[in-house]
PDB file of N, CA and C in Angstrom:
ATOM      1  N   MET A   1       1.092  -0.981   0.110  1.00  0.00           N
ATOM      2  CA  MET A   1       0.210  -0.156   0.138  1.00  0.00           C
ATOM      3  C   MET A   1       0.770   1.184   0.050  1.00  0.00           C
ATOM      4  N   ASP A   2       0.624   2.239  -0.767  1.00  0.00           N
ATOM      5  CA  ASP A   2       1.329   3.270  -1.172  1.00  0.00           C
ATOM      6  C   ASP A   2       1.153   4.580  -0.175  1.00  0.00           C
ATOM      7  N   GLU A   3       1.899   5.340  -0.060  1.00  0.00           N
ATOM      8  CA  GLU A   3       1.612   6.525   1.080  1.00  0.00           C
ATOM      9  C   GLU A   3      -0.016   7.298   0.828  1.00  0.00           C
ATOM     10  N   ASN A   4      -0.068   7.546  -0.408  1.00  0.00           N
ATOM     11  CA  ASN A   4      -1.279   7.944  -0.746  1.00  0.00           C
ATOM     12  C   ASN A   4      -2.460   7.436  -0.450  1.00  0.00           C
ATOM     13  N   SER A   5      -2.452   6.105  -0.629  1.00  0.00           N
ATOM     14  CA  SER A   5      -3.669   4.833   0.103  1.00  0.00           C
ATOM     15  C   SER A   5      -3.786   5.244   1.250  1.00  0.00           C
ATOM     16  N   LEU A   6      -2.414   5.096   2.123  1.00  0.00           N
ATOM     17  CA  LEU A   6      -2.797   5.016   3.440  1.00  0.00           C
ATOM     18  C   LEU A   6      -3.493   6.608   4.002  1.00  0.00           C
ATOM     19  N   LYS A   7      -3.134   7.724   3.353  1.00  0.00           N
ATOM     20  CA  LYS A   7      -3.882   8.653   3.601  1.00  0.00           C
ATOM     21  C   LYS A   7      -5.373   8.497   3.273  1.00  0.00           C
ATOM     22  N   VAL A   8      -5.662   8.394   2.171  1.00  0.00           N
ATOM     23  CA  VAL A   8      -7.208   8.312   1.874  1.00  0.00           C
ATOM     24  C   VAL A   8      -8.152   7.094   2.939  1.00  0.00           C
ATOM     25  N   LEU A   9      -6.770   6.079   3.163  1.00  0.00           N
ATOM     26  CA  LEU A   9      -7.561   5.288   3.985  1.00  0.00           C
ATOM     27  C   LEU A   9      -7.825   5.843   5.785  1.00  0.00           C
ATOM     28  N   LEU A  10      -6.790   6.516   6.316  1.00  0.00           N
ATOM     29  CA  LEU A  10      -7.317   7.403   7.409  1.00  0.00           C
ATOM     30  C   LEU A  10      -7.922   8.326   7.133  1.00  0.00           C
ATOM     31  N   ARG A  11      -8.074   9.137   6.185  1.00  0.00           N
ATOM     32  CA  ARG A  11      -9.186  10.308   6.213  1.00  0.00           C
ATOM     33  C   ARG A  11     -10.582   9.700   6.118  1.00  0.00           C
ATOM     34  N   THR A  12     -10.631   8.335   5.189  1.00  0.00           N
ATOM     35  CA  THR A  12     -11.834   8.073   5.462  1.00  0.00           C
ATOM     36  C   THR A  12     -12.296   7.408   6.783  1.00  0.00           C
ATOM     37  N   ARG A  13     -11.429   6.631   7.497  1.00  0.00           N
ATOM     38  CA  ARG A  13     -11.589   6.219   8.887  1.00  0.00           C
ATOM     39  C   ARG A  13     -12.493   7.576   9.858  1.00  0.00           C
ATOM     40  N   ILE A  14     -11.356   8.559   9.428  1.00  0.00           N
ATOM     41  CA  ILE A  14     -11.720   9.781  10.569  1.00  0.00           C
ATOM     42  C   ILE A  14     -12.952  10.231  10.079  1.00  0.00           C
ATOM     43  N   LEU A  15     -13.297  10.461   9.220  1.00  0.00           N
ATOM     44  CA  LEU A  15     -14.656  10.856   8.557  1.00  0.00           C
ATOM     45  C   LEU A  15     -15.603   9.821   9.224  1.00  0.00           C
ATOM     46  N   GLU A  16     -15.600   8.833   8.783  1.00  0.00           N
ATOM     47  CA  GLU A  16     -16.622   7.694   9.177  1.00  0.00           C
ATOM     48  C   GLU A  16     -16.944   7.887  10.612  1.00  0.00           C
ATOM     49  N   ALA A  17     -15.749   8.183  11.729  1.00  0.00           N
ATOM     50  CA  ALA A  17     -16.140   7.880  13.275  1.00  0.00           C
ATOM     51  C   ALA A  17     -16.719   9.420  13.701  1.00  0.00           C
ATOM     52  N   VAL A  18     -16.470  10.464  12.748  1.00  0.00           N
ATOM     53  CA  VAL A  18     -17.049  11.867  13.493  1.00  0.00           C
ATOM     54  C   VAL A  18     -18.384  12.012  12.620  1.00  0.00           C
ATOM     55  N   ARG A  19     -18.745  10.843  11.436  1.00  0.00           N
ATOM     56  CA  ARG A  19     -20.012  10.900  10.830  1.00  0.00           C
ATOM     57  C   ARG A  19     -20.905  10.043  11.973  1.00  0.00           C
ATOM     58  N   SER A  20     -20.338   8.834  12.390  1.00  0.00           N
ATOM     59  CA  SER A  20     -21.454   7.852  12.973  1.00  0.00           C
ATOM     60  C   SER A  20     -21.505   8.539  14.329  1.00  0.00           C
ATOM     61  N   VAL A  21     -21.590   9.786  14.743  1.00  0.00           N
ATOM     62  CA  VAL A  21     -22.052  10.443  15.825  1.00  0.00           C
ATOM     63  C   VAL A  21     -22.744  11.497  15.514  1.00  0.00           C
ATOM     64  N   LYS A  22     -23.963  11.217  15.894  1.00  0.00           N
ATOM     65  CA  LYS A  22     -25.552  11.975  15.717  1.00  0.00           C
ATOM     66  C   LYS A  22     -26.287  12.395  16.509  1.00  0.00           C
ATOM     67  N   PRO A  23     -25.433  13.504  17.218  1.00  0.00           N
ATOM     68  CA  PRO A  23     -26.460  14.003  18.453  1.00  0.00           C
ATOM     69  C   PRO A  23     -27.876  14.852  18.101  1.00  0.00           C
ATOM     70  N   PRO A  24     -28.552  14.915  19.100  1.00  0.00           N
ATOM     71  CA  PRO A  24     -29.807  15.412  18.742  1.00  0.00           C
ATOM     72  C   PRO A  24     -29.749  16.574  18.527  1.00  0.00           C
ATOM     73  N   GLY A  25     -28.834  17.608  18.870  1.00  0.00           N
ATOM     74  CA  GLY A  25     -28.924  18.913  18.394  1.00  0.00           C
ATOM     75  C   GLY A  25     -28.035  19.301  17.181  1.00  0.00           C
ATOM     76  N   LYS A  26     -27.630  18.411  16.102  1.00  0.00           N
ATOM     77  CA  LYS A  26     -27.255  18.325  15.187  1.00  0.00           C
ATOM     78  C   LYS A  26     -25.218  18.555  15.351  1.00  0.00           C
ATOM     79  N   TRP A  27     -24.854  19.796  16.197  1.00  0.00           N
ATOM     80  CA  TRP A  27     -23.797  20.334  16.196  1.00  0.00           C
ATOM     81  C   TRP A  27     -22.836  19.486  17.469  1.00  0.00           C
ATOM     82  N   LYS A  28     -21.328  18.961  17.109  1.00  0.00           N
ATOM     83  CA  LYS A  28     -20.832  18.188  17.845  1.00  0.00           C
ATOM     84  C   LYS A  28     -19.384  19.120  17.886  1.00  0.00           C
ATOM     85  N   ILE A  29     -18.720  18.793  18.975  1.00  0.00           N
ATOM     86  CA  ILE A  29     -17.396  19.202  19.003  1.00  0.00           C
ATOM     87  C   ILE A  29     -16.199  18.201  19.009  1.00  0.00           C
ATOM     88  N   VAL A  30     -15.343  18.700  18.154  1.00  0.00           N
ATOM     89  CA  VAL A  30     -14.032  17.266  18.181  1.00  0.00           C
ATOM     90  C   VAL A  30     -12.581  17.755  19.106  1.00  0.00           C
ATOM     91  N   VAL A  31     -12.525  17.007  19.894  1.00  0.00           N
ATOM     92  CA  VAL A  31     -11.399  17.067  21.481  1.00  0.00           C
ATOM     93  C   VAL A  31     -10.399  16.154  20.840  1.00  0.00           C
ATOM     94  N   VAL A  32      -9.072  17.015  20.558  1.00  0.00           N
ATOM     95  CA  VAL A  32      -7.848  15.990  20.213  1.00  0.00           C
ATOM     96  C   VAL A  32      -7.093  16.548  21.250  1.00  0.00           C
ATOM     97  N   ASP A  33      -5.852  15.619  20.906  1.00  0.00           N
ATOM     98  CA  ASP A  33      -4.847  15.413  21.790  1.00  0.00           C
ATOM     99  C   ASP A  33      -3.605  16.029  20.892  1.00  0.00           C
ATOM    100  N   LYS A  34      -2.209  16.285  21.032  1.00  0.00           N
ATOM    101  CA  LYS A  34      -1.426  16.639  20.214  1.00  0.00           C
ATOM    102  C   LYS A  34      -1.023  16.061  19.061  1.00  0.00           C
ATOM    103  N   HIS A  35      -1.059  14.332  19.396  1.00  0.00           N
ATOM    104  CA  HIS A  35      -0.508  13.603  18.328  1.00  0.00           C
ATOM    105  C   HIS A  35      -1.794  13.349  17.360  1.00  0.00           C
ATOM    106  N   SER A  36      -3.087  13.418  17.795  1.00  0.00           N
ATOM    107  CA  SER A  36      -4.293  13.336  17.306  1.00  0.00           C
ATOM    108  C   SER A  36      -4.374  14.083  16.438  1.00  0.00           C
ATOM    109  N   LEU A  37      -3.836  15.817  16.439  1.00  0.00           N
ATOM    110  CA  LEU A  37      -4.271  16.586  15.734  1.00  0.00           C
ATOM    111  C   LEU A  37      -3.451  16.708  14.633  1.00  0.00           C
ATOM    112  N   LYS A  38      -2.187  16.290  14.987  1.00  0.00           N
ATOM    113  CA  LYS A  38      -1.215  15.939  13.731  1.00  0.00           C
ATOM    114  C   LYS A  38      -1.293  15.008  12.944  1.00  0.00           C
ATOM    115  N   LEU A  39      -2.034  14.147  13.349  1.00  0.00           N
ATOM    116  CA  LEU A  39      -2.439  12.824  12.737  1.00  0.00           C
ATOM    117  C   LEU A  39      -3.821  13.272  11.432  1.00  0.00           C
ATOM    118  N   ILE A  40      -4.685  13.942  12.352  1.00  0.00           N
ATOM    119  CA  ILE A  40      -5.800  14.297  11.570  1.00  0.00           C
ATOM    120  C   ILE A  40      -5.426  15.527  10.551  1.00  0.00           C
ATOM    121  N   SER A  41      -4.720  16.245  10.911  1.00  0.00           N
ATOM    122  CA  SER A  41      -4.507  17.538   9.979  1.00  0.00           C
ATOM    123  C   SER A  41      -3.365  16.942   8.577  1.00  0.00           C
ATOM    124  N   SER A  42      -3.070  16.183   9.100  1.00  0.00           N
ATOM    125  CA  SER A  42      -1.819  15.443   7.736  1.00  0.00           C
ATOM    126  C   SER A  42      -2.844  14.949   6.830  1.00  0.00           C
ATOM    127  N   VAL A  43      -4.311  14.476   6.986  1.00  0.00           N
ATOM    128  CA  VAL A  43      -4.960  13.976   5.763  1.00  0.00           C
ATOM    129  C   VAL A  43      -6.648  14.984   5.675  1.00  0.00           C
ATOM    130  N   LEU A  44      -6.764  15.805   6.716  1.00  0.00           N
ATOM    131  CA  LEU A  44      -8.100  16.673   6.681  1.00  0.00           C
ATOM    132  C   LEU A  44      -7.655  18.486   6.597  1.00  0.00           C
ATOM    133  N   LYS A  45      -8.657  19.026   6.433  1.00  0.00           N
ATOM    134  CA  LYS A  45      -8.375  20.311   6.629  1.00  0.00           C
ATOM    135  C   LYS A  45      -9.567  20.697   7.461  1.00  0.00           C
ATOM    136  N   LEU A  46      -9.655  21.910   8.194  1.00  0.00           N
ATOM    137  CA  LEU A  46     -10.642  22.132   8.991  1.00  0.00           C
ATOM    138  C   LEU A  46     -12.023  22.470   8.423  1.00  0.00           C
ATOM    139  N   TYR A  47     -11.693  22.784   7.202  1.00  0.00           N
ATOM    140  CA  TYR A  47     -13.189  22.568   6.566  1.00  0.00           C
ATOM    141  C   TYR A  47     -13.751  21.414   6.371  1.00  0.00           C
ATOM    142  N   ASP A  48     -12.977  20.223   6.363  1.00  0.00           N
ATOM    143  CA  ASP A  48     -13.325  18.856   5.951  1.00  0.00           C
ATOM    144  C   ASP A  48     -14.482  18.732   7.569  1.00  0.00           C
ATOM    145  N   LEU A  49     -13.732  19.145   8.721  1.00  0.00           N
ATOM    146  CA  LEU A  49     -14.692  18.614   9.752  1.00  0.00           C
ATOM    147  C   LEU A  49     -15.816  19.791   9.934  1.00  0.00           C
ATOM    148  N   LEU A  50     -15.667  20.773   9.388  1.00  0.00           N
ATOM    149  CA  LEU A  50     -16.656  21.843   9.814  1.00  0.00           C
ATOM    150  C   LEU A  50     -17.975  20.995   8.865  1.00  0.00           C
ATOM    151  N   GLU A  51     -17.653  20.704   7.577  1.00  0.00           N
ATOM    152  CA  GLU A  51     -18.879  19.765   6.777  1.00  0.00           C
ATOM    153  C   GLU A  51     -19.565  19.002   7.556  1.00  0.00           C
ATOM    154  N   GLU A  52     -18.835  18.401   8.475  1.00  0.00           N
ATOM    155  CA  GLU A  52     -19.518  17.425   9.176  1.00  0.00           C
ATOM    156  C   GLU A  52     -20.339  17.515  10.570  1.00  0.00           C
ATOM    157  N   ASP A  53     -20.534  19.146  10.521  1.00  0.00           N
ATOM    158  CA  ASP A  53     -21.593  19.516  11.546  1.00  0.00           C
ATOM    159  C   ASP A  53     -20.657  19.596  13.035  1.00  0.00           C
ATOM    160  N   VAL A  54     -19.685  20.010  12.962  1.00  0.00           N
ATOM    161  CA  VAL A  54     -18.356  20.003  14.040  1.00  0.00           C
ATOM    162  C   VAL A  54     -18.303  21.557  14.060  1.00  0.00           C
ATOM    163  N   SER A  55     -18.549  21.961  14.897  1.00  0.00           N
ATOM    164  CA  SER A  55     -18.861  23.653  15.332  1.00  0.00           C
ATOM    165  C   SER A  55     -17.366  24.267  15.818  1.00  0.00           C
ATOM    166  N   ILE A  56     -16.374  23.290  16.339  1.00  0.00           N
ATOM    167  CA  ILE A  56     -15.402  23.475  17.003  1.00  0.00           C
ATOM    168  C   ILE A  56     -14.318  22.432  16.988  1.00  0.00           C
ATOM    169  N   VAL A  57     -12.795  22.722  17.048  1.00  0.00           N
ATOM    170  CA  VAL A  57     -11.998  21.669  17.073  1.00  0.00           C
ATOM    171  C   VAL A  57     -11.179  22.188  18.350  1.00  0.00           C
ATOM    172  N   GLU A  58     -10.806  21.451  19.548  1.00  0.00           N
ATOM    173  CA  GLU A  58     -10.257  21.898  20.629  1.00  0.00           C
ATOM    174  C   GLU A  58      -9.138  20.993  21.354  1.00  0.00           C
ATOM    175  N   THR A  59      -8.269  21.430  21.530  1.00  0.00           N
ATOM    176  CA  THR A  59      -7.368  20.348  21.923  1.00  0.00           C
ATOM    177  C   THR A  59      -7.542  20.260  23.570  1.00  0.00           C
ATOM    178  N   ILE A  60      -7.231  19.105  24.151  1.00  0.00           N
ATOM    179  CA  ILE A  60      -7.153  18.688  25.188  1.00  0.00           C
ATOM    180  C   ILE A  60      -6.544  19.299  26.383  1.00  0.00           C
ATOM    181  N   THR A  61      -5.542  19.384  26.133  1.00  0.00           N
ATOM    182  CA  THR A  61      -4.472  20.105  27.318  1.00  0.00           C
ATOM    183  C   THR A  61      -4.647  21.514  27.083  1.00  0.00           C
ATOM    184  N   LYS A  62      -5.317  22.340  26.474  1.00  0.00           N
ATOM    185  CA  LYS A  62      -5.563  23.703  26.614  1.00  0.00           C
ATOM    186  C   LYS A  62      -6.652  23.850  27.796  1.00  0.00           C
ATOM    187  N   SER A  63      -7.360  24.881  28.361  1.00  0.00           N
ATOM    188  CA  SER A  63      -8.272  25.406  28.609  1.00  0.00           C
ATOM    189  C   SER A  63      -9.198  25.775  27.795  1.00  0.00           C
ATOM    190  N   ARG A  64     -10.650  24.796  28.269  1.00  0.00           N
ATOM    191  CA  ARG A  64     -11.862  24.920  27.286  1.00  0.00           C
ATOM    192  C   ARG A  64     -12.963  25.601  28.012  1.00  0.00           C
ATOM    193  N   GLN A  65     -13.728  26.030  27.459  1.00  0.00           N
ATOM    194  CA  GLN A  65     -14.928  26.531  27.500  1.00  0.00           C
ATOM    195  C   GLN A  65     -16.234  25.289  27.903  1.00  0.00           C
ATOM    196  N   PRO A  66     -17.020  24.791  28.756  1.00  0.00           N
ATOM    197  CA  PRO A  66     -17.995  24.066  29.219  1.00  0.00           C
ATOM    198  C   PRO A  66     -19.012  24.189  27.896  1.00  0.00           C
ATOM    199  N   PHE A  67     -19.292  22.987  27.082  1.00  0.00           N
ATOM    200  CA  PHE A  67     -20.581  22.905  26.050  1.00  0.00           C
ATOM    201  C   PHE A  67     -21.716  22.065  26.293  1.00  0.00           C
ATOM    202  N   THR A  68     -22.324  22.204  27.622  1.00  0.00           N
ATOM    203  CA  THR A  68     -22.885  20.846  28.191  1.00  0.00           C
ATOM    204  C   THR A  68     -23.977  20.595  27.144  1.00  0.00           C
ATOM    205  N   ASP A  69     -24.129  21.082  26.339  1.00  0.00           N
ATOM    206  CA  ASP A  69     -25.435  21.137  25.491  1.00  0.00           C
ATOM    207  C   ASP A  69     -24.707  20.539  24.192  1.00  0.00           C
ATOM    208  N   ARG A  70     -23.784  20.279  23.905  1.00  0.00           N
ATOM    209  CA  ARG A  70     -23.231  19.524  22.867  1.00  0.00           C
ATOM    210  C   ARG A  70     -22.738  18.398  23.020  1.00  0.00           C
ATOM    211  N   GLU A  71     -22.252  17.028  22.252  1.00  0.00           N
ATOM    212  CA  GLU A  71     -21.361  16.180  22.510  1.00  0.00           C
ATOM    213  C   GLU A  71     -20.141  15.997  22.216  1.00  0.00           C
ATOM    214  N   ALA A  72     -19.498  15.537  22.352  1.00  0.00           N
ATOM    215  CA  ALA A  72     -17.761  15.607  22.024  1.00  0.00           C
ATOM    216  C   ALA A  72     -17.346  14.566  21.420  1.00  0.00           C
ATOM    217  N   VAL A  73     -16.414  14.292  20.353  1.00  0.00           N
ATOM    218  CA  VAL A  73     -15.961  13.373  19.629  1.00  0.00           C
ATOM    219  C   VAL A  73     -14.442  13.339  19.753  1.00  0.00           C
ATOM    220  N   TYR A  74     -14.207  12.515  20.813  1.00  0.00           N
ATOM    221  CA  TYR A  74     -12.710  12.746  21.099  1.00  0.00           C
ATOM    222  C   TYR A  74     -11.913  11.756  20.567  1.00  0.00           C
ATOM    223  N   PHE A  75     -10.490  12.441  19.772  1.00  0.00           N
ATOM    224  CA  PHE A  75      -9.605  11.550  19.057  1.00  0.00           C
ATOM    225  C   PHE A  75      -8.123  11.470  20.115  1.00  0.00           C
ATOM    226  N   LEU A  76      -8.123  10.266  20.777  1.00  0.00           N
ATOM    227  CA  LEU A  76      -6.686  10.318  21.657  1.00  0.00           C
ATOM    228  C   LEU A  76      -5.826   9.514  21.578  1.00  0.00           C
ATOM    229  N   SER A  77      -4.975   9.644  21.891  1.00  0.00           N
ATOM    230  CA  SER A  77      -3.614   8.822  21.932  1.00  0.00           C
ATOM    231  C   SER A  77      -3.964   7.927  23.125  1.00  0.00           C
ATOM    232  N   PRO A  78      -4.017   7.106  23.283  1.00  0.00           N
ATOM    233  CA  PRO A  78      -3.943   5.964  24.467  1.00  0.00           C
ATOM    234  C   PRO A  78      -2.753   6.116  25.671  1.00  0.00           C
ATOM    235  N   THR A  79      -2.396   7.651  26.117  1.00  0.00           N
ATOM    236  CA  THR A  79      -1.484   7.826  27.174  1.00  0.00           C
ATOM    237  C   THR A  79      -2.601   7.782  28.330  1.00  0.00           C
ATOM    238  N   LYS A  80      -1.415   7.751  29.325  1.00  0.00           N
ATOM    239  CA  LYS A  80      -1.900   7.995  30.565  1.00  0.00           C
ATOM    240  C   LYS A  80      -2.116   9.700  30.768  1.00  0.00           C
ATOM    241  N   GLU A  81      -1.553  10.353  29.950  1.00  0.00           N
ATOM    242  CA  GLU A  81      -1.983  12.110  30.357  1.00  0.00           C
ATOM    243  C   GLU A  81      -3.616  12.510  29.617  1.00  0.00           C
ATOM    244  N   SER A  82      -3.724  11.999  28.355  1.00  0.00           N
ATOM    245  CA  SER A  82      -4.754  11.932  27.535  1.00  0.00           C
ATOM    246  C   SER A  82      -5.793  11.359  28.222  1.00  0.00           C
ATOM    247  N   VAL A  83      -5.804  10.112  28.534  1.00  0.00           N
ATOM    248  CA  VAL A  83      -6.895   9.702  29.447  1.00  0.00           C
ATOM    249  C   VAL A  83      -7.291  10.120  30.377  1.00  0.00           C
ATOM    250  N   SER A  84      -6.074  10.720  31.123  1.00  0.00           N
ATOM    251  CA  SER A  84      -6.875  11.324  32.347  1.00  0.00           C
ATOM    252  C   SER A  84      -7.201  12.799  32.102  1.00  0.00           C
ATOM    253  N   ARG A  85      -6.803  13.209  31.120  1.00  0.00           N
ATOM    254  CA  ARG A  85      -7.759  14.677  30.672  1.00  0.00           C
ATOM    255  C   ARG A  85      -9.446  14.109  30.355  1.00  0.00           C
ATOM    256  N   PHE A  86      -9.398  13.340  29.932  1.00  0.00           N
ATOM    257  CA  PHE A  86     -10.591  12.780  29.539  1.00  0.00           C
ATOM    258  C   PHE A  86     -11.508  12.790  30.413  1.00  0.00           C
ATOM    259  N   ILE A  87     -11.014  11.734  31.395  1.00  0.00           N
ATOM    260  CA  ILE A  87     -11.750  11.651  32.701  1.00  0.00           C
ATOM    261  C   ILE A  87     -12.032  13.085  32.977  1.00  0.00           C
ATOM    262  N   ASP A  88     -11.213  14.026  33.269  1.00  0.00           N
ATOM    263  CA  ASP A  88     -11.520  15.188  33.827  1.00  0.00           C
ATOM    264  C   ASP A  88     -12.460  15.828  33.240  1.00  0.00           C
ATOM    265  N   ASP A  89     -12.600  15.846  32.215  1.00  0.00           N
ATOM    266  CA  ASP A  89     -13.763  16.266  31.124  1.00  0.00           C
ATOM    267  C   ASP A  89     -15.266  16.024  31.866  1.00  0.00           C
ATOM    268  N   PHE A  90     -14.878  14.877  32.539  1.00  0.00           N
ATOM    269  CA  PHE A  90     -16.491  14.533  32.862  1.00  0.00           C
ATOM    270  C   PHE A  90     -16.730  14.122  34.832  1.00  0.00           C
ATOM    271  N   THR A  91     -15.691  14.981  35.219  1.00  0.00           N
ATOM    272  CA  THR A  91     -15.551  14.733  36.989  1.00  0.00           C
ATOM    273  C   THR A  91     -15.885  16.056  37.587  1.00  0.00           C
ATOM    274  N   LYS A  92     -15.341  17.030  37.096  1.00  0.00           N
ATOM    275  CA  LYS A  92     -14.952  18.329  37.481  1.00  0.00           C
ATOM    276  C   LYS A  92     -16.441  18.995  37.987  1.00  0.00           C
ATOM    277  N   LYS A  93     -16.130  19.620  38.713  1.00  0.00           N
ATOM    278  CA  LYS A  93     -17.543  20.490  39.518  1.00  0.00           C
ATOM    279  C   LYS A  93     -17.018  21.728  38.977  1.00  0.00           C
ATOM    280  N   GLY A  94     -18.204  22.957  38.841  1.00  0.00           N
ATOM    281  CA  GLY A  94     -18.460  23.931  38.625  1.00  0.00           C
ATOM    282  C   GLY A  94     -19.472  24.619  37.877  1.00  0.00           C
ATOM    283  N   PRO A  95     -19.825  26.336  38.082  1.00  0.00           N
ATOM    284  CA  PRO A  95     -20.757  26.752  37.334  1.00  0.00           C
ATOM    285  C   PRO A  95     -21.128  26.308  36.157  1.00  0.00           C
ATOM    286  N   GLY A  96     -22.260  26.011  35.298  1.00  0.00           N
ATOM    287  CA  GLY A  96     -22.168  25.822  34.011  1.00  0.00           C
ATOM    288  C   GLY A  96     -21.501  24.513  33.643  1.00  0.00           C
ATOM    289  N   TRP A  97     -21.340  23.813  34.496  1.00  0.00           N
ATOM    290  CA  TRP A  97     -21.133  22.170  33.966  1.00  0.00           C
ATOM    291  C   TRP A  97     -22.256  20.961  34.618  1.00  0.00           C
ATOM    292  N   ASN A  98     -22.437  20.515  33.680  1.00  0.00           N
ATOM    293  CA  ASN A  98     -24.277  19.496  33.505  1.00  0.00           C
ATOM    294  C   ASN A  98     -23.462  18.347  34.294  1.00  0.00           C
ATOM    295  N   LYS A  99     -24.031  18.111  35.512  1.00  0.00           N
ATOM    296  CA  LYS A  99     -23.647  17.265  36.412  1.00  0.00           C
ATOM    297  C   LYS A  99     -21.980  16.917  36.611  1.00  0.00           C
ATOM    298  N   GLY A 100     -21.257  17.996  36.465  1.00  0.00           N
ATOM    299  CA  GLY A 100     -19.773  17.473  36.160  1.00  0.00           C
ATOM    300  C   GLY A 100     -19.233  17.108  35.101  1.00  0.00           C
ATOM    301  N   ALA A 101     -19.906  17.491  33.944  1.00  0.00           N
ATOM    302  CA  ALA A 101     -19.471  17.009  32.841  1.00  0.00           C
ATOM    303  C   ALA A 101     -19.065  18.213  31.909  1.00  0.00           C
ATOM    304  N   MET A 102     -17.965  18.292  30.832  1.00  0.00           N
ATOM    305  CA  MET A 102     -17.636  19.377  30.245  1.00  0.00           C
ATOM    306  C   MET A 102     -18.845  19.457  28.930  1.00  0.00           C
ATOM    307  N   TYR A 103     -19.081  18.231  28.398  1.00  0.00           N
ATOM    308  CA  TYR A 103     -19.972  17.902  27.322  1.00  0.00           C
ATOM    309  C   TYR A 103     -21.294  17.159  27.607  1.00  0.00           C
ATOM    310  N   ALA A 104     -22.292  16.926  26.977  1.00  0.00           N
ATOM    311  CA  ALA A 104     -23.399  16.646  27.021  1.00  0.00           C
ATOM    312  C   ALA A 104     -22.596  14.976  27.002  1.00  0.00           C
ATOM    313  N   GLY A 105     -22.211  14.618  26.172  1.00  0.00           N
ATOM    314  CA  GLY A 105     -21.854  13.269  25.837  1.00  0.00           C
ATOM    315  C   GLY A 105     -20.493  13.298  25.248  1.00  0.00           C
ATOM    316  N   ALA A 106     -19.926  11.905  25.260  1.00  0.00           N
ATOM    317  CA  ALA A 106     -18.609  11.659  24.568  1.00  0.00           C
ATOM    318  C   ALA A 106     -18.356  10.599  23.877  1.00  0.00           C
ATOM    319  N   HIS A 107     -17.804  10.393  22.860  1.00  0.00           N
ATOM    320  CA  HIS A 107     -17.424   9.356  21.715  1.00  0.00           C
ATOM    321  C   HIS A 107     -16.067   9.255  21.871  1.00  0.00           C
ATOM    322  N   LEU A 108     -15.545   8.145  22.515  1.00  0.00           N
ATOM    323  CA  LEU A 108     -14.123   8.052  22.371  1.00  0.00           C
ATOM    324  C   LEU A 108     -13.253   7.486  21.302  1.00  0.00           C
ATOM    325  N   PHE A 109     -12.459   7.749  20.712  1.00  0.00           N
ATOM    326  CA  PHE A 109     -11.725   7.190  19.648  1.00  0.00           C
ATOM    327  C   PHE A 109     -10.196   7.086  20.048  1.00  0.00           C
ATOM    328  N   PHE A 110      -9.594   5.959  20.253  1.00  0.00           N
ATOM    329  CA  PHE A 110      -8.394   6.130  20.179  1.00  0.00           C
ATOM    330  C   PHE A 110      -7.541   6.109  19.144  1.00  0.00           C
ATOM    331  N   THR A 111      -6.512   6.595  18.821  1.00  0.00           N
ATOM    332  CA  THR A 111      -5.023   6.547  17.473  1.00  0.00           C
ATOM    333  C   THR A 111      -4.377   5.573  17.890  1.00  0.00           C
ATOM    334  N   THR A 112      -4.924   4.194  17.983  1.00  0.00           N
ATOM    335  CA  THR A 112      -3.793   3.452  18.413  1.00  0.00           C
ATOM    336  C   THR A 112      -2.464   2.936  17.280  1.00  0.00           C
ATOM    337  N   GLY A 113      -1.524   2.230  17.755  1.00  0.00           N
ATOM    338  CA  GLY A 113      -0.747   1.793  17.089  1.00  0.00           C
ATOM    339  C   GLY A 113       0.100   3.071  16.032  1.00  0.00           C
ATOM    340  N   MET A 114      -0.517   4.512  16.197  1.00  0.00           N
ATOM    341  CA  MET A 114       0.284   5.376  15.604  1.00  0.00           C
ATOM    342  C   MET A 114       1.274   6.024  16.453  1.00  0.00           C
ATOM    343  N   VAL A 115       1.574   6.144  17.729  1.00  0.00           N
ATOM    344  CA  VAL A 115       2.347   6.896  18.632  1.00  0.00           C
ATOM    345  C   VAL A 115       3.829   6.221  18.412  1.00  0.00           C
TER     346      VAL A 115
END
């Protein structure tokens, strides 16, 4: 399999994952870690994600605003740091948080084997 075939396959898999999430409110958020952002950026443009009803792409290591009315699609490396931050997104308490959750729901996809 050549490099272009791999890129097409990766692009297809990422878009299928995003399309598989169909929240009631239509819009969703994509949350990535550093490694997953590089991986996704190598085969997709931001516009491609926005075409899939993604309202924003956020990095899990940065401070983020809670969107308790939207579901999130996470693309993360299976590392202790990324998993810990994912757990934090659904256990924190504070004003505007929905029962301790950053988002209305989560759909987690690991980028395994690429680290």
